[in-house]
Amino acid sequence: MVKTYMTENRLRLVGRAWEIRAVLRTIASNSNATLSQFLSANNAPAEDRTA
């Protein structure tokens, strides 16, 4: 199970390597944005949130 922590300018994924790759591929395929643009679009509060 992958744990995802997002802040305004940071994405932290915790899990097994193959799970993290799958999450990154999903993010990349659903959006043509850079990571910075993705994080701005999914603006999180100042503290970490778990998804």
N, C-alpha and C. Protein backbone atom coordinates (compact mmCIF):
# COMPACT_ATOMS: atom_id res chain seq x y z
N MET A 1 0.85 -1.17 0.00
CA MET A 1 0.00 0.00 0.00
C MET A 1 0.90 1.24 0.00
N VAL A 2 0.63 2.13 -0.92
CA VAL A 2 1.43 3.35 -1.04
C VAL A 2 0.80 4.45 -0.20
N LYS A 3 1.64 5.13 0.56
CA LYS A 3 1.19 6.31 1.30
C LYS A 3 1.68 7.53 0.53
N THR A 4 0.80 8.50 0.34
CA THR A 4 1.12 9.69 -0.43
C THR A 4 0.98 10.91 0.46
N TYR A 5 2.03 11.69 0.54
CA TYR A 5 2.03 12.93 1.31
C TYR A 5 2.31 14.07 0.33
N MET A 6 1.39 15.03 0.24
CA MET A 6 1.56 16.15 -0.67
C MET A 6 1.51 17.45 0.08
N THR A 7 2.43 18.33 -0.26
CA THR A 7 2.39 19.71 0.21
C THR A 7 2.43 20.59 -1.03
N GLU A 8 2.52 21.88 -0.82
CA GLU A 8 2.48 22.82 -1.94
C GLU A 8 3.57 22.55 -2.97
N ASN A 9 4.75 22.17 -2.52
CA ASN A 9 5.85 21.97 -3.46
C ASN A 9 6.57 20.63 -3.29
N ARG A 10 5.91 19.66 -2.70
CA ARG A 10 6.57 18.39 -2.45
C ARG A 10 5.58 17.24 -2.55
N LEU A 11 6.05 16.14 -3.13
CA LEU A 11 5.29 14.90 -3.20
C LEU A 11 6.17 13.81 -2.61
N ARG A 12 5.66 13.13 -1.59
CA ARG A 12 6.41 12.04 -0.97
C ARG A 12 5.56 10.78 -1.09
N LEU A 13 6.14 9.75 -1.69
CA LEU A 13 5.47 8.46 -1.83
C LEU A 13 6.24 7.45 -1.00
N VAL A 14 5.52 6.68 -0.19
CA VAL A 14 6.14 5.67 0.67
C VAL A 14 5.48 4.34 0.35
N GLY A 15 6.29 3.39 -0.04
CA GLY A 15 5.76 2.07 -0.37
C GLY A 15 6.82 1.26 -1.10
N ARG A 16 6.39 0.19 -1.70
CA ARG A 16 7.32 -0.66 -2.46
C ARG A 16 7.60 -0.01 -3.81
N ALA A 17 8.76 -0.29 -4.36
CA ALA A 17 9.21 0.37 -5.60
C ALA A 17 8.20 0.20 -6.73
N TRP A 18 7.67 -1.00 -6.92
CA TRP A 18 6.74 -1.22 -8.03
C TRP A 18 5.43 -0.46 -7.82
N GLU A 19 5.02 -0.29 -6.55
CA GLU A 19 3.81 0.47 -6.26
C GLU A 19 4.02 1.95 -6.55
N ILE A 20 5.19 2.46 -6.19
CA ILE A 20 5.50 3.87 -6.42
C ILE A 20 5.56 4.15 -7.92
N ARG A 21 6.20 3.25 -8.69
CA ARG A 21 6.25 3.42 -10.14
C ARG A 21 4.86 3.43 -10.74
N ALA A 22 3.97 2.58 -10.24
CA ALA A 22 2.60 2.53 -10.75
C ALA A 22 1.86 3.84 -10.47
N VAL A 23 2.04 4.39 -9.28
CA VAL A 23 1.40 5.67 -8.94
C VAL A 23 1.94 6.78 -9.83
N LEU A 24 3.25 6.83 -10.03
CA LEU A 24 3.85 7.86 -10.88
C LEU A 24 3.38 7.73 -12.32
N ARG A 25 3.25 6.52 -12.81
CA ARG A 25 2.74 6.32 -14.17
C ARG A 25 1.30 6.78 -14.28
N THR A 26 0.49 6.51 -13.26
CA THR A 26 -0.90 6.95 -13.26
C THR A 26 -0.99 8.47 -13.28
N ILE A 27 -0.19 9.12 -12.46
CA ILE A 27 -0.17 10.59 -12.43
C ILE A 27 0.25 11.13 -13.79
N ALA A 28 1.29 10.54 -14.37
CA ALA A 28 1.81 11.01 -15.66
C ALA A 28 0.81 10.79 -16.79
N SER A 29 0.09 9.68 -16.76
CA SER A 29 -0.85 9.39 -17.85
C SER A 29 -2.13 10.22 -17.74
N ASN A 30 -2.50 10.62 -16.54
CA ASN A 30 -3.72 11.41 -16.35
C ASN A 30 -3.51 12.89 -16.57
N SER A 31 -2.27 13.32 -16.68
CA SER A 31 -2.00 14.73 -16.77
C SER A 31 -0.76 14.96 -17.63
N ASN A 32 -0.79 16.00 -18.44
CA ASN A 32 0.37 16.34 -19.25
C ASN A 32 1.19 17.43 -18.58
N ALA A 33 0.99 17.62 -17.30
CA ALA A 33 1.66 18.69 -16.56
C ALA A 33 2.96 18.19 -15.95
N THR A 34 3.82 19.13 -15.63
CA THR A 34 5.03 18.80 -14.87
C THR A 34 4.63 18.51 -13.43
N LEU A 35 5.56 17.99 -12.67
CA LEU A 35 5.28 17.71 -11.26
C LEU A 35 4.91 18.98 -10.52
N SER A 36 5.62 20.05 -10.80
CA SER A 36 5.33 21.34 -10.15
C SER A 36 3.91 21.80 -10.47
N GLN A 37 3.50 21.68 -11.72
CA GLN A 37 2.14 22.07 -12.11
C GLN A 37 1.11 21.15 -11.47
N PHE A 38 1.41 19.86 -11.39
CA PHE A 38 0.50 18.90 -10.76
C PHE A 38 0.29 19.25 -9.29
N LEU A 39 1.38 19.56 -8.58
CA LEU A 39 1.27 19.89 -7.16
C LEU A 39 0.51 21.20 -6.97
N SER A 40 0.71 22.17 -7.85
CA SER A 40 -0.02 23.43 -7.74
C SER A 40 -1.51 23.22 -7.97
N ALA A 41 -1.85 22.36 -8.92
CA ALA A 41 -3.26 22.09 -9.23
C ALA A 41 -3.93 21.34 -8.08
N ASN A 42 -3.18 20.51 -7.39
CA ASN A 42 -3.71 19.73 -6.26
C ASN A 42 -3.23 20.35 -4.96
N ASN A 43 -3.40 21.65 -4.86
CA ASN A 43 -2.86 22.41 -3.73
C ASN A 43 -3.33 21.81 -2.40
N ALA A 44 -2.36 21.49 -1.57
CA ALA A 44 -2.63 20.90 -0.26
C ALA A 44 -2.48 21.97 0.80
N PRO A 45 -3.06 21.76 1.97
CA PRO A 45 -2.82 22.68 3.08
C PRO A 45 -1.36 22.65 3.50
N ALA A 46 -0.97 23.53 4.36
CA ALA A 46 0.43 23.67 4.77
C ALA A 46 0.98 22.38 5.38
N GLU A 47 0.14 21.63 6.09
CA GLU A 47 0.62 20.39 6.68
C GLU A 47 0.40 19.24 5.70
N ASP A 48 1.11 18.15 5.89
CA ASP A 48 1.00 16.98 5.01
C ASP A 48 -0.39 16.39 5.10
N ARG A 49 -0.83 15.83 3.97
CA ARG A 49 -2.09 15.09 3.99
C ARG A 49 -1.85 13.72 3.40
N THR A 50 -2.55 12.75 3.87
CA THR A 50 -2.40 11.38 3.39
C THR A 50 -3.59 11.06 2.51
N ALA A 51 -3.28 10.52 1.34
CA ALA A 51 -4.34 10.16 0.41
C ALA A 51 -4.43 8.66 0.27
